C-alpha atoms as a PDB file:
ATOM      1  CA  UNK A   1     180.093 153.258 167.736  1.00  0.00           C
ATOM      2  CA  UNK A   2     180.155 149.568 167.218  1.00  0.00           C
ATOM      3  CA  UNK A   3     181.344 146.586 165.283  1.00  0.00           C
ATOM      4  CA  UNK A   4     180.072 145.875 161.775  1.00  0.00           C
ATOM      5  CA  UNK A   5     177.383 143.230 161.648  1.00  0.00           C
ATOM      6  CA  UNK A   6     173.737 142.497 161.225  1.00  0.00           C
ATOM      7  CA  UNK A   7     171.079 139.875 160.815  1.00  0.00           C
ATOM      8  CA  UNK A   8     171.399 136.688 158.806  1.00  0.00           C
ATOM      9  CA  UNK A   9     169.165 136.570 155.730  1.00  0.00           C
ATOM     10  CA  UNK A  10     167.068 133.504 155.027  1.00  0.00           C
ATOM     11  CA  UNK A  11     169.137 130.915 153.146  1.00  0.00           C
ATOM     12  CA  UNK A  12     172.456 132.530 154.131  1.00  0.00           C
ATOM     13  CA  UNK A  13     175.200 130.845 156.126  1.00  0.00           C
ATOM     14  CA  UNK A  14     176.718 132.720 159.068  1.00  0.00           C
ATOM     15  CA  UNK A  15     179.915 133.202 157.065  1.00  0.00           C
ATOM     16  CA  UNK A  16     178.028 134.548 154.027  1.00  0.00           C
ATOM     17  CA  UNK A  17     176.152 136.939 156.281  1.00  0.00           C
ATOM     18  CA  UNK A  18     179.368 138.285 157.842  1.00  0.00           C
ATOM     19  CA  UNK A  19     180.933 138.848 154.427  1.00  0.00           C
ATOM     20  CA  UNK A  20     177.787 140.587 153.119  1.00  0.00           C
ATOM     21  CA  UNK A  21     177.342 142.800 156.186  1.00  0.00           C
ATOM     22  CA  UNK A  22     180.953 144.028 156.103  1.00  0.00           C
ATOM     23  CA  UNK A  23     180.624 144.750 152.372  1.00  0.00           C
ATOM     24  CA  UNK A  24     177.371 146.680 152.954  1.00  0.00           C
ATOM     25  CA  UNK A  25     178.680 148.668 155.920  1.00  0.00           C
ATOM     26  CA  UNK A  26     182.328 149.263 154.971  1.00  0.00           C
ATOM     27  CA  UNK A  27     182.508 148.641 151.222  1.00  0.00           C
ATOM     28  CA  UNK A  28     185.277 146.059 151.487  1.00  0.00           C
ATOM     29  CA  UNK A  29     185.740 142.379 150.743  1.00  0.00           C
ATOM     30  CA  UNK A  30     187.024 140.213 153.569  1.00  0.00           C
ATOM     31  CA  UNK A  31     188.511 136.767 153.894  1.00  0.00           C
ATOM     32  CA  UNK A  32     187.262 134.933 156.970  1.00  0.00           C
ATOM     33  CA  UNK A  33     190.155 133.544 159.014  1.00  0.00           C
ATOM     34  CA  UNK A  34     188.157 131.862 161.789  1.00  0.00           C
ATOM     35  CA  UNK A  35     184.872 131.883 163.638  1.00  0.00           C
ATOM     36  CA  UNK A  36     184.789 132.442 167.386  1.00  0.00           C
ATOM     37  CA  UNK A  37     183.780 129.394 169.404  1.00  0.00           C
ATOM     38  CA  UNK A  38     181.790 131.654 171.751  1.00  0.00           C
ATOM     39  CA  UNK A  39     178.175 132.627 171.166  1.00  0.00           C
ATOM     40  CA  UNK A  40     177.450 136.010 172.739  1.00  0.00           C
ATOM     41  CA  UNK A  41     173.870 136.666 173.813  1.00  0.00           C
ATOM     42  CA  UNK A  42     172.399 140.093 173.125  1.00  0.00           C
ATOM     43  CA  UNK A  43     169.313 140.732 175.268  1.00  0.00           C
ATOM     44  CA  UNK A  44     166.407 142.914 174.168  1.00  0.00           C
ATOM     45  CA  UNK A  45     166.840 146.649 174.730  1.00  0.00           C
ATOM     46  CA  UNK A  46     164.992 149.784 173.640  1.00  0.00           C
ATOM     47  CA  UNK A  47     167.489 150.320 170.810  1.00  0.00           C
ATOM     48  CA  UNK A  48     167.431 146.636 169.771  1.00  0.00           C
ATOM     49  CA  UNK A  49     163.975 145.208 170.598  1.00  0.00           C
ATOM     50  CA  UNK A  50     164.645 141.564 169.678  1.00  0.00           C
ATOM     51  CA  UNK A  51     166.670 138.851 171.376  1.00  0.00           C
ATOM     52  CA  UNK A  52     169.721 137.961 169.322  1.00  0.00           C
ATOM     53  CA  UNK A  53     173.067 136.231 169.434  1.00  0.00           C
ATOM     54  CA  UNK A  54     176.379 137.575 168.185  1.00  0.00           C
ATOM     55  CA  UNK A  55     178.926 135.298 166.560  1.00  0.00           C
ATOM     56  CA  UNK A  56     182.294 136.891 165.858  1.00  0.00           C
ATOM     57  CA  UNK A  57     184.358 136.200 162.792  1.00  0.00           C
ATOM     58  CA  UNK A  58     188.013 137.069 162.559  1.00  0.00           C
ATOM     59  CA  UNK A  59     188.876 138.287 159.069  1.00  0.00           C
ATOM     60  CA  UNK A  60     191.322 140.252 156.987  1.00  0.00           C
ATOM     61  CA  UNK A  61     190.628 142.758 154.251  1.00  0.00           C
ATOM     62  CA  UNK A  62     191.066 141.132 150.849  1.00  0.00           C
ATOM     63  CA  UNK A  63     189.975 144.079 148.706  1.00  0.00           C
ATOM     64  CA  UNK A  64     189.177 147.725 149.236  1.00  0.00           C
ATOM     65  CA  UNK A  65     189.627 150.388 151.877  1.00  0.00           C
ATOM     66  CA  UNK A  66     187.044 150.685 154.673  1.00  0.00           C
ATOM     67  CA  UNK A  67     184.799 153.705 154.278  1.00  0.00           C
ATOM     68  CA  UNK A  68     181.313 154.645 155.487  1.00  0.00           C
ATOM     69  CA  UNK A  69     178.434 153.113 153.543  1.00  0.00           C
ATOM     70  CA  UNK A  70     174.634 152.920 154.041  1.00  0.00           C
ATOM     71  CA  UNK A  71     174.394 152.389 157.815  1.00  0.00           C
ATOM     72  CA  UNK A  72     177.846 153.665 158.759  1.00  0.00           C
ATOM     73  CA  UNK A  73     178.696 157.288 159.601  1.00  0.00           C
ATOM     74  CA  UNK A  74     182.466 156.968 159.901  1.00  0.00           C
ATOM     75  CA  UNK A  75     185.233 154.386 160.032  1.00  0.00           C
ATOM     76  CA  UNK A  76     188.214 154.607 162.378  1.00  0.00           C
ATOM     77  CA  UNK A  77     190.828 152.301 163.842  1.00  0.00           C
ATOM     78  CA  UNK A  78     191.345 152.238 167.625  1.00  0.00           C
ATOM     79  CA  UNK A  79     193.841 150.615 169.954  1.00  0.00           C
ATOM     80  CA  UNK A  80     192.575 148.245 172.660  1.00  0.00           C
ATOM     81  CA  UNK A  81     193.475 150.912 175.250  1.00  0.00           C
ATOM     82  CA  UNK A  82     191.268 153.477 173.473  1.00  0.00           C
ATOM     83  CA  UNK A  83     188.397 151.006 173.110  1.00  0.00           C
ATOM     84  CA  UNK A  84     188.411 150.290 176.856  1.00  0.00           C
ATOM     85  CA  UNK A  85     187.491 153.966 177.469  1.00  0.00           C
ATOM     86  CA  UNK A  86     184.778 154.144 174.787  1.00  0.00           C
ATOM     87  CA  UNK A  87     181.054 153.592 174.898  1.00  0.00           C
ATOM     88  CA  UNK A  88     180.146 151.030 172.237  1.00  0.00           C
ATOM     89  CA  UNK A  89     176.753 150.040 170.821  1.00  0.00           C
ATOM     90  CA  UNK A  90     174.740 147.118 172.150  1.00  0.00           C
ATOM     91  CA  UNK A  91     176.967 144.603 173.987  1.00  0.00           C
ATOM     92  CA  UNK A  92     180.000 145.098 171.723  1.00  0.00           C
ATOM     93  CA  UNK A  93     182.406 146.122 174.507  1.00  0.00           C
ATOM     94  CA  UNK A  94     181.470 143.064 176.549  1.00  0.00           C
ATOM     95  CA  UNK A  95     181.963 140.845 173.494  1.00  0.00           C
ATOM     96  CA  UNK A  96     185.454 142.273 172.898  1.00  0.00           C
ATOM     97  CA  UNK A  97     186.312 141.649 176.561  1.00  0.00           C
ATOM     98  CA  UNK A  98     185.046 138.044 176.463  1.00  0.00           C
ATOM     99  CA  UNK A  99     187.045 137.449 173.270  1.00  0.00           C
ATOM    100  CA  UNK A 100     190.183 138.725 175.042  1.00  0.00           C
ATOM    101  CA  UNK A 101     190.636 141.565 172.571  1.00  0.00           C
ATOM    102  CA  UNK A 102     190.477 144.381 175.125  1.00  0.00           C
END
Protein backbone atom coordinates (compact mmCIF):
# COMPACT_ATOMS: atom_id res chain seq x y z
CA UNK A 1 0.00 0.00 0.00
CA UNK A 2 1.14 3.49 -0.64
CA UNK A 3 0.36 7.03 -1.60
CA UNK A 4 -0.60 7.94 -5.17
CA UNK A 5 2.24 9.41 -7.17
CA UNK A 6 4.79 8.86 -9.86
CA UNK A 7 7.43 10.39 -12.05
CA UNK A 8 7.28 13.81 -13.64
CA UNK A 9 7.01 13.75 -17.43
CA UNK A 10 9.27 15.94 -19.53
CA UNK A 11 7.76 19.42 -19.87
CA UNK A 12 5.42 18.93 -16.89
CA UNK A 13 5.42 21.04 -13.74
CA UNK A 14 5.39 19.28 -10.37
CA UNK A 15 1.79 20.39 -9.86
CA UNK A 16 0.71 19.11 -13.29
CA UNK A 17 2.39 15.80 -12.56
CA UNK A 18 0.58 15.40 -9.22
CA UNK A 19 -2.78 16.15 -10.82
CA UNK A 20 -2.12 13.70 -13.69
CA UNK A 21 -0.85 10.90 -11.44
CA UNK A 22 -3.88 11.09 -9.12
CA UNK A 23 -6.20 11.08 -12.15
CA UNK A 24 -4.39 8.03 -13.61
CA UNK A 25 -4.31 6.09 -10.35
CA UNK A 26 -7.63 7.04 -8.73
CA UNK A 27 -9.76 8.44 -11.55
CA UNK A 28 -10.46 11.73 -9.79
CA UNK A 29 -9.74 15.40 -10.35
CA UNK A 30 -8.04 17.25 -7.52
CA UNK A 31 -7.47 20.86 -6.59
CA UNK A 32 -4.01 21.46 -5.15
CA UNK A 33 -4.20 23.34 -1.85
CA UNK A 34 -0.48 23.59 -1.10
CA UNK A 35 2.89 22.03 -1.76
CA UNK A 36 4.98 20.72 1.12
CA UNK A 37 8.13 22.73 1.81
CA UNK A 38 10.00 19.48 2.53
CA UNK A 39 11.73 17.42 -0.13
CA UNK A 40 11.81 13.76 0.88
CA UNK A 41 14.66 11.66 -0.51
CA UNK A 42 13.86 8.15 -1.71
CA UNK A 43 17.02 6.03 -1.97
CA UNK A 44 17.47 3.22 -4.49
CA UNK A 45 16.00 -0.14 -3.50
CA UNK A 46 15.34 -3.44 -5.27
CA UNK A 47 11.70 -2.45 -5.83
CA UNK A 48 12.61 1.09 -6.94
CA UNK A 49 16.06 0.99 -8.60
CA UNK A 50 16.51 4.74 -9.16
CA UNK A 51 17.25 7.59 -6.78
CA UNK A 52 14.27 9.91 -6.50
CA UNK A 53 12.74 12.66 -4.43
CA UNK A 54 9.17 12.87 -3.19
CA UNK A 55 7.36 16.19 -3.01
CA UNK A 56 3.97 16.09 -1.30
CA UNK A 57 0.98 18.08 -2.41
CA UNK A 58 -2.02 18.64 -0.21
CA UNK A 59 -5.21 18.55 -2.26
CA UNK A 60 -8.94 18.06 -2.17
CA UNK A 61 -11.13 16.08 -4.52
CA UNK A 62 -12.83 18.42 -6.99
CA UNK A 63 -14.56 15.78 -9.11
CA UNK A 64 -15.17 12.06 -8.93
CA UNK A 65 -14.96 9.26 -6.41
CA UNK A 66 -11.62 7.49 -5.87
CA UNK A 67 -11.54 4.02 -7.36
CA UNK A 68 -8.79 1.67 -8.56
CA UNK A 69 -7.37 2.43 -12.00
CA UNK A 70 -4.38 1.15 -14.03
CA UNK A 71 -1.72 0.78 -11.32
CA UNK A 72 -4.04 0.65 -8.31
CA UNK A 73 -5.58 -2.51 -6.85
CA UNK A 74 -7.86 -0.94 -4.26
CA UNK A 75 -8.64 2.38 -2.60
CA UNK A 76 -9.36 2.77 1.11
CA UNK A 77 -9.34 5.50 3.72
CA UNK A 78 -7.38 4.98 6.96
CA UNK A 79 -7.04 6.87 10.21
CA UNK A 80 -3.57 8.03 11.31
CA UNK A 81 -3.71 5.39 14.08
CA UNK A 82 -4.30 2.63 11.51
CA UNK A 83 -1.55 3.93 9.22
CA UNK A 84 0.99 3.82 12.07
CA UNK A 85 0.51 0.02 12.24
CA UNK A 86 0.68 -0.57 8.47
CA UNK A 87 3.53 -1.42 6.15
CA UNK A 88 3.58 1.13 3.33
CA UNK A 89 5.46 1.11 0.02
CA UNK A 90 8.83 2.78 -0.45
CA UNK A 91 9.42 5.50 2.18
CA UNK A 92 5.77 6.59 2.39
CA UNK A 93 5.39 5.95 6.14
CA UNK A 94 8.50 7.99 6.89
CA UNK A 95 7.21 10.81 4.68
CA UNK A 96 3.88 10.88 6.54
CA UNK A 97 5.75 11.01 9.86
CA UNK A 98 8.02 13.86 8.71
CA UNK A 99 4.96 15.77 7.46
CA UNK A 100 3.36 15.36 10.91
CA UNK A 101 0.41 13.44 9.51
CA UNK A 102 0.92 10.30 11.59
